[in-house]
Amino acid sequence: MTKVPRLTGEPIMHILCKKTGKLVGYLYQWNNGDLQPAWFDGAMTEIRYEPFESAA
């Protein structure tokens, strides 16, 4: 984490459940370079990330 404040963030990847392929959240990148997952129903461990272009 940097000392630069987080001002703006944008989603850069889908977070998908490995077992079902269901969309469970988005990975955000902030203006200062920090990455942060945003979950729909709480954090999961069995996940995979997919860029927006190739996600189903």
PDB file of N, CA and C in Angstrom:
ATOM      1  N   MET A   1       0.842  -1.178   0.000  1.00  0.00           N
ATOM      2  CA  MET A   1       0.000   0.000   0.000  1.00  0.00           C
ATOM      3  C   MET A   1       0.889   1.243   0.000  1.00  0.00           C
ATOM      4  N   THR A   2       0.527   2.184  -0.843  1.00  0.00           N
ATOM      5  CA  THR A   2       1.330   3.393  -0.955  1.00  0.00           C
ATOM      6  C   THR A   2       0.791   4.491  -0.043  1.00  0.00           C
ATOM      7  N   LYS A   3       1.563   5.551   0.089  1.00  0.00           N
ATOM      8  CA  LYS A   3       1.129   6.694   0.897  1.00  0.00           C
ATOM      9  C   LYS A   3       0.273   7.664   0.100  1.00  0.00           C
ATOM     10  N   VAL A   4       0.196   7.458  -1.216  1.00  0.00           N
ATOM     11  CA  VAL A   4      -0.651   8.295  -2.067  1.00  0.00           C
ATOM     12  C   VAL A   4      -2.109   7.922  -1.792  1.00  0.00           C
ATOM     13  N   PRO A   5      -2.983   8.904  -1.606  1.00  0.00           N
ATOM     14  CA  PRO A   5      -4.384   8.579  -1.297  1.00  0.00           C
ATOM     15  C   PRO A   5      -5.096   7.935  -2.478  1.00  0.00           C
ATOM     16  N   ARG A   6      -6.043   7.067  -2.158  1.00  0.00           N
ATOM     17  CA  ARG A   6      -6.893   6.451  -3.179  1.00  0.00           C
ATOM     18  C   ARG A   6      -7.993   7.445  -3.536  1.00  0.00           C
ATOM     19  N   LEU A   7      -7.965   7.943  -4.751  1.00  0.00           N
ATOM     20  CA  LEU A   7      -8.968   8.908  -5.174  1.00  0.00           C
ATOM     21  C   LEU A   7      -9.967   8.299  -6.156  1.00  0.00           C
ATOM     22  N   THR A   8      -9.455   7.556  -7.116  1.00  0.00           N
ATOM     23  CA  THR A   8     -10.327   6.923  -8.110  1.00  0.00           C
ATOM     24  C   THR A   8      -9.874   5.492  -8.330  1.00  0.00           C
ATOM     25  N   GLY A   9     -10.831   4.639  -8.622  1.00  0.00           N
ATOM     26  CA  GLY A   9     -10.532   3.238  -8.916  1.00  0.00           C
ATOM     27  C   GLY A   9     -11.372   2.768 -10.076  1.00  0.00           C
ATOM     28  N   GLU A  10     -10.858   1.770 -10.789  1.00  0.00           N
ATOM     29  CA  GLU A  10     -11.637   1.209 -11.890  1.00  0.00           C
ATOM     30  C   GLU A  10     -11.500  -0.307 -11.890  1.00  0.00           C
ATOM     31  N   PRO A  11     -12.567  -1.007 -12.254  1.00  0.00           N
ATOM     32  CA  PRO A  11     -12.492  -2.467 -12.304  1.00  0.00           C
ATOM     33  C   PRO A  11     -11.606  -2.896 -13.476  1.00  0.00           C
ATOM     34  N   ILE A  12     -10.703  -3.844 -13.203  1.00  0.00           N
ATOM     35  CA  ILE A  12      -9.801  -4.301 -14.264  1.00  0.00           C
ATOM     36  C   ILE A  12      -9.974  -5.787 -14.586  1.00  0.00           C
ATOM     37  N   MET A  13     -10.610  -6.545 -13.668  1.00  0.00           N
ATOM     38  CA  MET A  13     -10.814  -7.977 -13.903  1.00  0.00           C
ATOM     39  C   MET A  13     -12.084  -8.456 -13.228  1.00  0.00           C
ATOM     40  N   HIS A  14     -12.655  -9.509 -13.800  1.00  0.00           N
ATOM     41  CA  HIS A  14     -13.742 -10.231 -13.149  1.00  0.00           C
ATOM     42  C   HIS A  14     -13.128 -11.190 -12.135  1.00  0.00           C
ATOM     43  N   ILE A  15     -13.817 -11.419 -11.030  1.00  0.00           N
ATOM     44  CA  ILE A  15     -13.440 -12.474 -10.093  1.00  0.00           C
ATOM     45  C   ILE A  15     -14.499 -13.558 -10.230  1.00  0.00           C
ATOM     46  N   LEU A  16     -14.069 -14.759 -10.617  1.00  0.00           N
ATOM     47  CA  LEU A  16     -14.978 -15.860 -10.880  1.00  0.00           C
ATOM     48  C   LEU A  16     -14.734 -17.015  -9.919  1.00  0.00           C
ATOM     49  N   CYS A  17     -15.798 -17.709  -9.541  1.00  0.00           N
ATOM     50  CA  CYS A  17     -15.697 -18.917  -8.728  1.00  0.00           C
ATOM     51  C   CYS A  17     -15.076 -20.019  -9.578  1.00  0.00           C
ATOM     52  N   LYS A  18     -14.052 -20.696  -9.071  1.00  0.00           N
ATOM     53  CA  LYS A  18     -13.403 -21.783  -9.811  1.00  0.00           C
ATOM     54  C   LYS A  18     -14.346 -22.952 -10.057  1.00  0.00           C
ATOM     55  N   LYS A  19     -15.226 -23.230  -9.104  1.00  0.00           N
ATOM     56  CA  LYS A  19     -16.105 -24.400  -9.212  1.00  0.00           C
ATOM     57  C   LYS A  19     -17.272 -24.171 -10.163  1.00  0.00           C
ATOM     58  N   THR A  20     -17.889 -22.986 -10.108  1.00  0.00           N
ATOM     59  CA  THR A  20     -19.105 -22.741 -10.886  1.00  0.00           C
ATOM     60  C   THR A  20     -18.901 -21.811 -12.070  1.00  0.00           C
ATOM     61  N   GLY A  21     -17.832 -21.033 -12.067  1.00  0.00           N
ATOM     62  CA  GLY A  21     -17.620 -20.037 -13.110  1.00  0.00           C
ATOM     63  C   GLY A  21     -18.467 -18.790 -12.916  1.00  0.00           C
ATOM     64  N   LYS A  22     -19.199 -18.712 -11.812  1.00  0.00           N
ATOM     65  CA  LYS A  22     -20.080 -17.590 -11.518  1.00  0.00           C
ATOM     66  C   LYS A  22     -19.272 -16.349 -11.135  1.00  0.00           C
ATOM     67  N   LEU A  23     -19.735 -15.199 -11.601  1.00  0.00           N
ATOM     68  CA  LEU A  23     -19.114 -13.929 -11.253  1.00  0.00           C
ATOM     69  C   LEU A  23     -19.388 -13.631  -9.782  1.00  0.00           C
ATOM     70  N   VAL A  24     -18.317 -13.449  -8.991  1.00  0.00           N
ATOM     71  CA  VAL A  24     -18.472 -13.219  -7.553  1.00  0.00           C
ATOM     72  C   VAL A  24     -17.920 -11.864  -7.109  1.00  0.00           C
ATOM     73  N   GLY A  25     -17.339 -11.097  -8.043  1.00  0.00           N
ATOM     74  CA  GLY A  25     -16.825  -9.781  -7.703  1.00  0.00           C
ATOM     75  C   GLY A  25     -15.963  -9.213  -8.814  1.00  0.00           C
ATOM     76  N   TYR A  26     -15.356  -8.074  -8.521  1.00  0.00           N
ATOM     77  CA  TYR A  26     -14.461  -7.396  -9.456  1.00  0.00           C
ATOM     78  C   TYR A  26     -13.173  -7.031  -8.745  1.00  0.00           C
ATOM     79  N   LEU A  27     -12.067  -7.022  -9.483  1.00  0.00           N
ATOM     80  CA  LEU A  27     -10.788  -6.554  -8.959  1.00  0.00           C
ATOM     81  C   LEU A  27     -10.596  -5.120  -9.435  1.00  0.00           C
ATOM     82  N   TYR A  28     -10.399  -4.206  -8.489  1.00  0.00           N
ATOM     83  CA  TYR A  28     -10.221  -2.791  -8.806  1.00  0.00           C
ATOM     84  C   TYR A  28      -8.762  -2.390  -8.699  1.00  0.00           C
ATOM     85  N   GLN A  29      -8.363  -1.478  -9.582  1.00  0.00           N
ATOM     86  CA  GLN A  29      -7.048  -0.852  -9.471  1.00  0.00           C
ATOM     87  C   GLN A  29      -7.270   0.627  -9.199  1.00  0.00           C
ATOM     88  N   TRP A  30      -6.620   1.109  -8.149  1.00  0.00           N
ATOM     89  CA  TRP A  30      -6.754   2.496  -7.730  1.00  0.00           C
ATOM     90  C   TRP A  30      -5.725   3.382  -8.413  1.00  0.00           C
ATOM     91  N   ASN A  31      -5.952   4.679  -8.381  1.00  0.00           N
ATOM     92  CA  ASN A  31      -5.053   5.644  -9.011  1.00  0.00           C
ATOM     93  C   ASN A  31      -3.623   5.547  -8.483  1.00  0.00           C
ATOM     94  N   ASN A  32      -3.436   5.033  -7.258  1.00  0.00           N
ATOM     95  CA  ASN A  32      -2.097   4.937  -6.679  1.00  0.00           C
ATOM     96  C   ASN A  32      -1.450   3.566  -6.931  1.00  0.00           C
ATOM     97  N   GLY A  33      -2.121   2.704  -7.701  1.00  0.00           N
ATOM     98  CA  GLY A  33      -1.567   1.392  -8.027  1.00  0.00           C
ATOM     99  C   GLY A  33      -2.053   0.257  -7.147  1.00  0.00           C
ATOM    100  N   ASP A  34      -2.716   0.567  -6.033  1.00  0.00           N
ATOM    101  CA  ASP A  34      -3.246  -0.483  -5.151  1.00  0.00           C
ATOM    102  C   ASP A  34      -4.302  -1.312  -5.878  1.00  0.00           C
ATOM    103  N   LEU A  35      -4.346  -2.601  -5.549  1.00  0.00           N
ATOM    104  CA  LEU A  35      -5.380  -3.499  -6.061  1.00  0.00           C
ATOM    105  C   LEU A  35      -6.294  -3.886  -4.905  1.00  0.00           C
ATOM    106  N   GLN A  36      -7.598  -3.985  -5.184  1.00  0.00           N
ATOM    107  CA  GLN A  36      -8.551  -4.317  -4.129  1.00  0.00           C
ATOM    108  C   GLN A  36      -9.712  -5.091  -4.731  1.00  0.00           C
ATOM    109  N   PRO A  37     -10.008  -6.282  -4.173  1.00  0.00           N
ATOM    110  CA  PRO A  37     -11.186  -7.012  -4.639  1.00  0.00           C
ATOM    111  C   PRO A  37     -12.460  -6.414  -4.045  1.00  0.00           C
ATOM    112  N   ALA A  38     -13.523  -6.417  -4.840  1.00  0.00           N
ATOM    113  CA  ALA A  38     -14.842  -6.000  -4.374  1.00  0.00           C
ATOM    114  C   ALA A  38     -15.767  -7.202  -4.563  1.00  0.00           C
ATOM    115  N   TRP A  39     -16.164  -7.810  -3.447  1.00  0.00           N
ATOM    116  CA  TRP A  39     -16.952  -9.039  -3.464  1.00  0.00           C
ATOM    117  C   TRP A  39     -18.444  -8.728  -3.419  1.00  0.00           C
ATOM    118  N   PHE A  40     -19.248  -9.573  -4.080  1.00  0.00           N
ATOM    119  CA  PHE A  40     -20.701  -9.417  -4.029  1.00  0.00           C
ATOM    120  C   PHE A  40     -21.262  -9.948  -2.713  1.00  0.00           C
ATOM    121  N   ASP A  41     -20.827 -11.140  -2.287  1.00  0.00           N
ATOM    122  CA  ASP A  41     -21.368 -11.782  -1.081  1.00  0.00           C
ATOM    123  C   ASP A  41     -20.269 -12.293  -0.155  1.00  0.00           C
ATOM    124  N   GLY A  42     -19.234 -11.535   0.058  1.00  0.00           N
ATOM    125  CA  GLY A  42     -18.147 -11.943   0.937  1.00  0.00           C
ATOM    126  C   GLY A  42     -17.015 -12.621   0.182  1.00  0.00           C
ATOM    127  N   ALA A  43     -15.831 -12.555   0.758  1.00  0.00           N
ATOM    128  CA  ALA A  43     -14.625 -13.098   0.131  1.00  0.00           C
ATOM    129  C   ALA A  43     -14.698 -14.612  -0.014  1.00  0.00           C
ATOM    130  N   MET A  44     -14.084 -15.108  -1.075  1.00  0.00           N
ATOM    131  CA  MET A  44     -13.996 -16.545  -1.353  1.00  0.00           C
ATOM    132  C   MET A  44     -12.531 -16.900  -1.568  1.00  0.00           C
ATOM    133  N   THR A  45     -12.207 -18.204  -1.415  1.00  0.00           N
ATOM    134  CA  THR A  45     -10.822 -18.631  -1.617  1.00  0.00           C
ATOM    135  C   THR A  45     -10.614 -19.336  -2.949  1.00  0.00           C
ATOM    136  N   GLU A  46     -11.586 -20.047  -3.436  1.00  0.00           N
ATOM    137  CA  GLU A  46     -11.455 -20.803  -4.691  1.00  0.00           C
ATOM    138  C   GLU A  46     -11.921 -19.937  -5.860  1.00  0.00           C
ATOM    139  N   ILE A  47     -11.036 -19.020  -6.295  1.00  0.00           N
ATOM    140  CA  ILE A  47     -11.419 -18.072  -7.336  1.00  0.00           C
ATOM    141  C   ILE A  47     -10.369 -18.015  -8.434  1.00  0.00           C
ATOM    142  N   ARG A  48     -10.756 -17.388  -9.533  1.00  0.00           N
ATOM    143  CA  ARG A  48      -9.803 -17.079 -10.601  1.00  0.00           C
ATOM    144  C   ARG A  48     -10.143 -15.699 -11.136  1.00  0.00           C
ATOM    145  N   TYR A  49      -9.140 -15.032 -11.682  1.00  0.00           N
ATOM    146  CA  TYR A  49      -9.311 -13.698 -12.254  1.00  0.00           C
ATOM    147  C   TYR A  49      -9.324 -13.804 -13.770  1.00  0.00           C
ATOM    148  N   GLU A  50     -10.190 -13.026 -14.414  1.00  0.00           N
ATOM    149  CA  GLU A  50     -10.229 -12.976 -15.869  1.00  0.00           C
ATOM    150  C   GLU A  50     -10.362 -11.536 -16.322  1.00  0.00           C
ATOM    151  N   PRO A  51      -9.531 -11.133 -17.274  1.00  0.00           N
ATOM    152  CA  PRO A  51      -9.687  -9.775 -17.827  1.00  0.00           C
ATOM    153  C   PRO A  51     -11.058  -9.644 -18.490  1.00  0.00           C
ATOM    154  N   PHE A  52     -11.554  -8.450 -18.616  1.00  0.00           N
ATOM    155  CA  PHE A  52     -12.873  -8.225 -19.194  1.00  0.00           C
ATOM    156  C   PHE A  52     -13.004  -8.748 -20.629  1.00  0.00           C
ATOM    157  N   GLU A  53     -11.974  -8.659 -21.430  1.00  0.00           N
ATOM    158  CA  GLU A  53     -12.055  -9.076 -22.828  1.00  0.00           C
ATOM    159  C   GLU A  53     -12.377 -10.553 -22.994  1.00  0.00           C
ATOM    160  N   SER A  54     -11.811 -11.435 -22.130  1.00  0.00           N
ATOM    161  CA  SER A  54     -11.965 -12.868 -22.353  1.00  0.00           C
ATOM    162  C   SER A  54     -12.965 -13.539 -21.408  1.00  0.00           C
ATOM    163  N   ALA A  55     -13.598 -12.786 -20.523  1.00  0.00           N
ATOM    164  CA  ALA A  55     -14.558 -13.383 -19.575  1.00  0.00           C
ATOM    165  C   ALA A  55     -15.834 -13.754 -20.308  1.00  0.00           C
ATOM    166  N   ALA A  56     -16.442 -14.862 -19.840  1.00  0.00           N
ATOM    167  CA  ALA A  56     -17.674 -15.345 -20.489  1.00  0.00           C
ATOM    168  C   ALA A  56     -18.855 -14.494 -20.121  1.00  0.00           C
TER     169      ALA A  56
END
